Amino acid sequence: GRKISDPCHESATVSNIVSIIENLSLWVDQIPPVQQSSRYGNISYRTWHERLTENAESFMLQFLPEDLKPSTIEIVPYFTDSFGNSSRIDYGTGHETNFAAWLYCLARMGIIKEEDYQAVVARVFVKYLDLMRKLQLVYCLEPAGSHGVWGLDDYHFLPFIFGSSQLIDHNEYMYLSCIGFIKKVKKGPFAEHSPLLDDISAVPNWKKVNSGMLKMYKAEVLEKVPIMQHFLFGWLIK
């Protein structure tokens, strides 16, 4: 029931993470796509991703307290896997899940606290989503493991969960921005290119949409071997 622009508690850690993502977005401007004939997979993305990988650990060390610095061995791979795959030049819900896992690890370690949760969605995740859309458009990332017309979206799942929860007893915005973006990039009748989302629009209330999204995320992302076979497990996520 809270919109993106609502004021919320923003800790130093949250601000730090937001500025890291802004930094990554700035790099996209510094590494323009090359001219190439193929529709998907601009190779400039590999340069961007390489820079991400080289800097990931130092990003983490900006906000990790001394006693938690060894955790980089586990949280850095989640972070670098959050932005797509550089050899395949693709991105999908498995990568998005890595970003959620990274945030979850920070919460497990107490770096992100409960009072930060609203900002984690409305500031951090929103900023991450903006960056991912920029990467998708600029470097023409291939959708990884897309269900084609039978998926919610070629690339994302979580904003539909966060977005439908925003719309419980409320009427703004993340869910609707997902629909807006799909309408921008896909042509033709909505019911044809996004039948699942079209069906969901007939569900009687947002609470039902939200609980359905959570069940679907579990079945379609967390329980799918092609996605989870790449996933890292350690002491934070066993």
Protein backbone atom coordinates (compact mmCIF):
# COMPACT_ATOMS: atom_id res chain seq x y z
CA GLY A 1 0.00 0.00 0.00
CA ARG A 2 2.91 2.40 -0.46
CA LYS A 3 3.92 4.14 -3.64
CA ILE A 4 7.49 4.55 -4.87
CA SER A 5 7.61 8.29 -4.12
CA ASP A 6 6.41 7.93 -0.50
CA PRO A 7 9.00 9.13 2.01
CA CYS A 8 10.80 6.34 3.83
CA HIS A 9 13.76 5.73 6.13
CA GLU A 10 16.98 5.71 4.09
CA SER A 11 20.01 4.46 5.98
CA ALA A 12 23.61 5.15 4.98
CA THR A 13 23.84 1.56 3.64
CA VAL A 14 20.78 2.01 1.43
CA SER A 15 22.16 5.31 0.09
CA ASN A 16 25.49 3.59 -0.54
CA ILE A 17 23.86 0.76 -2.52
CA VAL A 18 21.81 3.25 -4.54
CA SER A 19 24.97 5.17 -5.45
CA ILE A 20 26.71 1.91 -6.48
CA ILE A 21 23.84 1.17 -8.90
CA GLU A 22 23.93 4.76 -10.19
CA ASN A 23 27.64 4.25 -10.81
CA LEU A 24 26.92 1.09 -12.84
CA SER A 25 24.38 3.05 -14.86
CA LEU A 26 26.97 5.75 -15.56
CA TRP A 27 29.32 3.11 -16.99
CA VAL A 28 26.69 2.23 -19.61
CA ASP A 29 26.99 5.82 -20.90
CA GLN A 30 30.79 5.47 -20.96
CA ILE A 31 30.69 2.14 -22.85
CA PRO A 32 28.48 2.71 -25.91
CA PRO A 33 27.21 -0.27 -27.94
CA VAL A 34 29.23 -1.17 -31.03
CA GLN A 35 27.70 -1.33 -34.50
CA GLN A 36 26.89 -4.96 -35.28
CA SER A 37 24.47 -6.87 -37.46
CA SER A 38 22.88 -9.27 -34.95
CA ARG A 39 19.68 -8.19 -33.23
CA TYR A 40 20.61 -9.43 -29.75
CA GLY A 41 23.77 -9.41 -27.71
CA ASN A 42 25.88 -6.30 -28.21
CA ILE A 43 29.46 -7.25 -27.32
CA SER A 44 30.08 -3.92 -25.54
CA TYR A 45 28.08 -5.43 -22.69
CA ARG A 46 31.07 -7.72 -22.00
CA THR A 47 33.26 -4.67 -21.38
CA TRP A 48 30.65 -3.28 -19.01
CA HIS A 49 30.34 -6.62 -17.20
CA GLU A 50 34.10 -6.99 -16.91
CA ARG A 51 34.30 -3.60 -15.20
CA LEU A 52 31.49 -4.70 -12.85
CA THR A 53 33.37 -7.89 -11.93
CA GLU A 54 36.65 -6.04 -11.35
CA ASN A 55 34.99 -3.53 -8.98
CA ALA A 56 32.41 -5.72 -7.24
CA GLU A 57 34.49 -6.57 -4.18
CA SER A 58 35.56 -2.98 -3.55
CA PHE A 59 31.89 -1.95 -3.80
CA MET A 60 31.01 -4.42 -1.02
CA LEU A 61 33.90 -3.27 1.16
CA GLN A 62 32.43 0.25 1.14
CA PHE A 63 29.69 -0.80 3.55
CA LEU A 64 30.77 -4.13 5.12
CA PRO A 65 32.00 -3.78 8.71
CA GLU A 66 35.43 -5.25 9.45
CA ASP A 67 34.16 -8.51 10.98
CA LEU A 68 31.95 -9.25 7.95
CA LYS A 69 34.52 -8.55 5.23
CA PRO A 70 35.20 -12.29 4.72
CA SER A 71 31.57 -12.65 3.53
CA THR A 72 32.60 -11.17 0.15
CA ILE A 73 33.46 -14.72 -0.93
CA GLU A 74 29.73 -15.45 -0.88
CA ILE A 75 28.02 -12.12 -1.59
CA VAL A 76 30.21 -10.97 -4.50
CA PRO A 77 29.10 -13.85 -6.80
CA TYR A 78 25.42 -13.09 -6.06
CA PHE A 79 26.06 -9.45 -6.90
CA THR A 80 27.95 -10.04 -10.15
CA ASP A 81 25.34 -12.59 -11.28
CA SER A 82 22.57 -10.05 -10.72
CA PHE A 83 23.16 -8.18 -13.95
CA GLY A 84 23.15 -10.91 -16.59
CA ASN A 85 25.64 -13.31 -18.15
CA SER A 86 28.57 -11.88 -20.09
CA SER A 87 29.36 -14.90 -22.24
CA ARG A 88 25.74 -15.40 -23.38
CA ILE A 89 24.93 -11.66 -23.19
CA ASP A 90 21.57 -12.49 -21.65
CA TYR A 91 19.49 -11.69 -18.59
CA GLY A 92 16.48 -13.32 -16.94
CA THR A 93 14.66 -14.16 -13.73
CA GLY A 94 17.58 -16.26 -12.44
CA HIS A 95 19.83 -13.19 -12.50
CA GLU A 96 17.09 -11.10 -10.89
CA THR A 97 16.83 -13.77 -8.16
CA ASN A 98 20.57 -13.36 -7.51
CA PHE A 99 19.95 -9.69 -6.76
CA ALA A 100 17.21 -10.64 -4.28
CA ALA A 101 19.58 -13.23 -2.77
CA TRP A 102 22.31 -10.59 -2.42
CA LEU A 103 19.89 -8.29 -0.57
CA TYR A 104 18.72 -11.21 1.54
CA CYS A 105 22.34 -11.97 2.56
CA LEU A 106 22.82 -8.35 3.63
CA ALA A 107 19.64 -8.66 5.72
CA ARG A 108 20.80 -11.97 7.24
CA MET A 109 24.05 -10.29 8.29
CA GLY A 110 22.16 -7.35 9.79
CA ILE A 111 23.58 -4.80 7.33
CA ILE A 112 20.07 -4.16 6.02
CA LYS A 113 17.60 -3.85 8.89
CA GLU A 114 13.83 -4.18 9.01
CA GLU A 115 13.37 -0.41 8.97
CA ASP A 116 15.22 -0.41 5.63
CA TYR A 117 12.78 -2.79 3.89
CA GLN A 118 10.59 -0.12 2.31
CA ALA A 119 13.65 1.67 0.94
CA VAL A 120 15.13 -1.63 -0.27
CA VAL A 121 12.14 -1.94 -2.63
CA ALA A 122 11.25 1.70 -3.32
CA ARG A 123 14.83 2.99 -3.67
CA VAL A 124 17.25 0.10 -4.25
CA PHE A 125 15.12 -2.31 -6.30
CA VAL A 126 13.54 0.48 -8.34
CA LYS A 127 17.03 1.78 -9.19
CA TYR A 128 18.14 -1.77 -10.08
CA LEU A 129 15.12 -2.17 -12.36
CA ASP A 130 15.96 1.11 -14.13
CA LEU A 131 19.53 -0.08 -14.67
CA MET A 132 18.41 -3.46 -15.99
CA ARG A 133 16.00 -1.86 -18.47
CA LYS A 134 18.80 0.40 -19.62
CA LEU A 135 21.14 -2.60 -20.10
CA GLN A 136 18.39 -4.54 -21.93
CA LEU A 137 17.78 -1.68 -24.35
CA VAL A 138 21.33 -0.40 -24.87
CA TYR A 139 23.10 -3.77 -25.19
CA CYS A 140 20.10 -5.73 -26.53
CA LEU A 141 20.40 -8.46 -23.91
CA GLU A 142 18.85 -11.77 -24.92
CA PRO A 143 16.06 -12.91 -22.55
CA ALA A 144 17.49 -15.83 -20.53
CA GLY A 145 15.12 -18.77 -20.28
CA SER A 146 12.11 -16.70 -21.30
CA HIS A 147 8.82 -18.57 -21.50
CA GLY A 148 8.09 -16.48 -24.56
CA VAL A 149 4.49 -15.49 -24.72
CA TRP A 150 3.63 -17.61 -21.64
CA GLY A 151 5.87 -15.74 -19.22
CA LEU A 152 4.91 -12.60 -17.32
CA ASP A 153 7.69 -10.64 -18.96
CA ASP A 154 10.81 -11.57 -20.96
CA TYR A 155 13.19 -10.50 -18.20
CA HIS A 156 11.56 -9.80 -14.81
CA PHE A 157 9.35 -11.35 -12.15
CA LEU A 158 9.95 -9.62 -8.81
CA PRO A 159 8.54 -6.17 -9.71
CA PHE A 160 5.19 -7.89 -10.31
CA ILE A 161 5.34 -9.22 -6.72
CA PHE A 162 6.46 -5.92 -5.18
CA GLY A 163 4.19 -4.00 -7.54
CA SER A 164 1.03 -5.96 -6.78
CA SER A 165 1.69 -5.59 -3.04
CA GLN A 166 1.98 -1.80 -3.54
CA LEU A 167 -1.44 -1.88 -5.18
CA ILE A 168 -3.18 -3.62 -2.26
CA ASP A 169 -5.39 -0.80 -0.93
CA HIS A 170 -3.49 1.58 -3.17
CA ASN A 171 -3.06 2.65 -6.76
CA GLU A 172 0.54 3.34 -7.70
CA TYR A 173 3.11 2.30 -9.49
CA MET A 174 5.74 -0.43 -10.00
CA TYR A 175 3.35 -3.05 -11.40
CA LEU A 176 1.88 -0.49 -13.78
CA SER A 177 5.34 0.60 -14.92
CA CYS A 178 6.05 -3.05 -15.85
CA ILE A 179 2.91 -3.09 -18.00
CA GLY A 180 3.89 0.28 -19.48
CA PHE A 181 7.35 -0.99 -20.43
CA ILE A 182 5.92 -4.14 -22.06
CA LYS A 183 3.53 -2.00 -24.09
CA LYS A 184 6.47 0.14 -25.17
CA VAL A 185 8.61 -2.77 -26.43
CA LYS A 186 5.95 -5.17 -27.75
CA LYS A 187 3.61 -4.53 -30.64
CA GLY A 188 0.09 -5.82 -31.22
CA PRO A 189 -2.84 -6.66 -28.94
CA PHE A 190 -1.84 -7.05 -25.28
CA ALA A 191 -3.87 -10.28 -24.95
CA GLU A 192 -1.75 -11.85 -27.72
CA HIS A 193 1.78 -10.91 -26.65
CA SER A 194 1.13 -11.09 -22.85
CA PRO A 195 -1.81 -13.48 -22.33
CA LEU A 196 -0.79 -14.32 -18.76
CA LEU A 197 -0.81 -10.69 -17.63
CA ASP A 198 -4.01 -10.16 -19.57
CA ASP A 199 -5.65 -13.04 -17.65
CA ILE A 200 -4.35 -11.68 -14.34
CA SER A 201 -6.09 -8.35 -15.03
CA ALA A 202 -9.41 -10.16 -14.45
CA VAL A 203 -8.43 -11.30 -10.91
CA PRO A 204 -10.83 -9.55 -8.49
CA ASN A 205 -8.31 -7.88 -6.15
CA TRP A 206 -4.61 -7.07 -5.72
CA LYS A 207 -4.25 -9.31 -2.65
CA LYS A 208 -5.11 -12.32 -4.83
CA VAL A 209 -2.78 -11.10 -7.59
CA ASN A 210 0.04 -10.73 -5.07
CA SER A 211 -0.40 -14.17 -3.45
CA GLY A 212 -0.68 -15.75 -6.91
CA MET A 213 2.55 -14.03 -7.98
CA LEU A 214 4.41 -15.40 -4.96
CA LYS A 215 3.21 -18.96 -5.69
CA MET A 216 4.15 -18.56 -9.34
CA TYR A 217 7.63 -17.21 -8.50
CA LYS A 218 8.27 -20.26 -6.31
CA ALA A 219 7.13 -22.66 -9.04
CA GLU A 220 8.53 -20.90 -12.11
CA VAL A 221 11.82 -19.54 -10.76
CA LEU A 222 12.93 -21.00 -7.40
CA GLU A 223 11.95 -24.59 -8.24
CA LYS A 224 13.26 -24.63 -11.82
CA VAL A 225 16.46 -26.64 -12.36
CA PRO A 226 17.73 -24.60 -15.37
CA ILE A 227 17.70 -21.49 -13.14
CA MET A 228 18.76 -22.89 -9.77
CA GLN A 229 21.57 -25.10 -11.11
CA HIS A 230 23.63 -21.89 -11.46
CA PHE A 231 22.79 -20.68 -7.95
CA LEU A 232 25.38 -20.38 -5.21
CA PHE A 233 24.69 -21.83 -1.75
CA GLY A 234 26.81 -21.10 1.30
CA TRP A 235 26.46 -20.18 4.97
CA LEU A 236 23.97 -17.37 4.38
CA ILE A 237 21.68 -19.21 1.96
CA LYS A 238 22.02 -22.88 2.78
